[in-house]
Amino acid sequence: MQGTLNRYLADINQQAEHMFHRLIKEMTERQGVTEILKAEQLWEWIGLMNNIQACARELSIVN
């Protein structure tokens, strides 16, 4: 049973990580956070990315 449970939990963890990264990608696209912004205004990009990641974490916990 333990081998099955560990595989199941690893699969769930992987699905959650994929969902988290997909959510971040969607949010960056919607907010116009691009590599160009990163190159031209690094500190603004960092702030926006930190905000997006915090929001994605909150949404991941809620769901």
Protein backbone atom coordinates (compact mmCIF):
# COMPACT_ATOMS: atom_id res chain seq x y z
CA MET A 1 0.00 0.00 0.00
CA GLN A 2 2.81 2.45 0.84
CA GLY A 3 4.30 2.22 -2.67
CA THR A 4 0.88 2.97 -4.16
CA LEU A 5 0.25 5.85 -1.80
CA ASN A 6 3.65 7.40 -2.51
CA ARG A 7 3.11 7.16 -6.27
CA TYR A 8 -0.34 8.69 -5.92
CA LEU A 9 0.92 11.57 -3.79
CA ALA A 10 3.83 12.19 -6.18
CA ASP A 11 1.36 12.31 -9.09
CA ILE A 12 -0.89 14.77 -7.25
CA ASN A 13 2.12 16.93 -6.40
CA GLN A 14 3.23 16.95 -10.03
CA GLN A 15 -0.27 17.92 -11.19
CA ALA A 16 -0.37 20.76 -8.66
CA GLU A 17 3.02 22.07 -9.82
CA HIS A 18 1.90 22.00 -13.46
CA MET A 19 -1.29 23.85 -12.55
CA PHE A 20 0.68 26.45 -10.57
CA HIS A 21 3.10 27.11 -13.46
CA ARG A 22 0.26 27.23 -16.00
CA LEU A 23 -1.57 29.75 -13.82
CA ILE A 24 1.54 31.94 -13.58
CA LYS A 25 1.99 31.79 -17.35
CA GLU A 26 -1.63 32.78 -17.97
CA MET A 27 -1.47 35.63 -15.46
CA THR A 28 1.77 37.02 -16.93
CA GLU A 29 0.28 36.95 -20.43
CA ARG A 30 -2.92 38.70 -19.31
CA GLN A 31 -0.98 41.40 -17.45
CA GLY A 32 1.51 41.95 -20.26
CA VAL A 33 4.55 40.91 -18.22
CA THR A 34 7.08 40.12 -20.93
CA GLU A 35 10.77 39.44 -21.41
CA ILE A 36 11.01 42.90 -22.97
CA LEU A 37 9.73 44.43 -19.73
CA LYS A 38 12.24 42.30 -17.84
CA ALA A 39 15.09 43.59 -20.00
CA GLU A 40 14.02 47.24 -19.87
CA GLN A 41 12.53 47.61 -16.37
CA LEU A 42 13.86 44.80 -14.22
CA TRP A 43 12.61 46.07 -10.86
CA GLU A 44 9.07 46.59 -12.16
CA TRP A 45 9.15 43.08 -13.68
CA ILE A 46 10.33 41.61 -10.35
CA GLY A 47 7.52 43.34 -8.48
CA LEU A 48 4.89 42.17 -10.93
CA MET A 49 6.21 38.60 -10.91
CA ASN A 50 6.26 38.52 -7.10
CA ASN A 51 2.65 39.71 -7.08
CA ILE A 52 1.60 37.16 -9.68
CA GLN A 53 3.28 34.31 -7.78
CA ALA A 54 1.63 35.38 -4.53
CA CYS A 55 -1.77 35.47 -6.21
CA ALA A 56 -1.18 32.07 -7.82
CA ARG A 57 -0.22 30.60 -4.42
CA GLU A 58 -3.42 31.97 -2.89
CA LEU A 59 -5.53 30.57 -5.72
CA SER A 60 -3.79 27.20 -5.43
CA ILE A 61 -4.57 27.01 -1.72
CA VAL A 62 -8.20 28.02 -2.19
CA ASN A 63 -8.84 25.49 -4.93
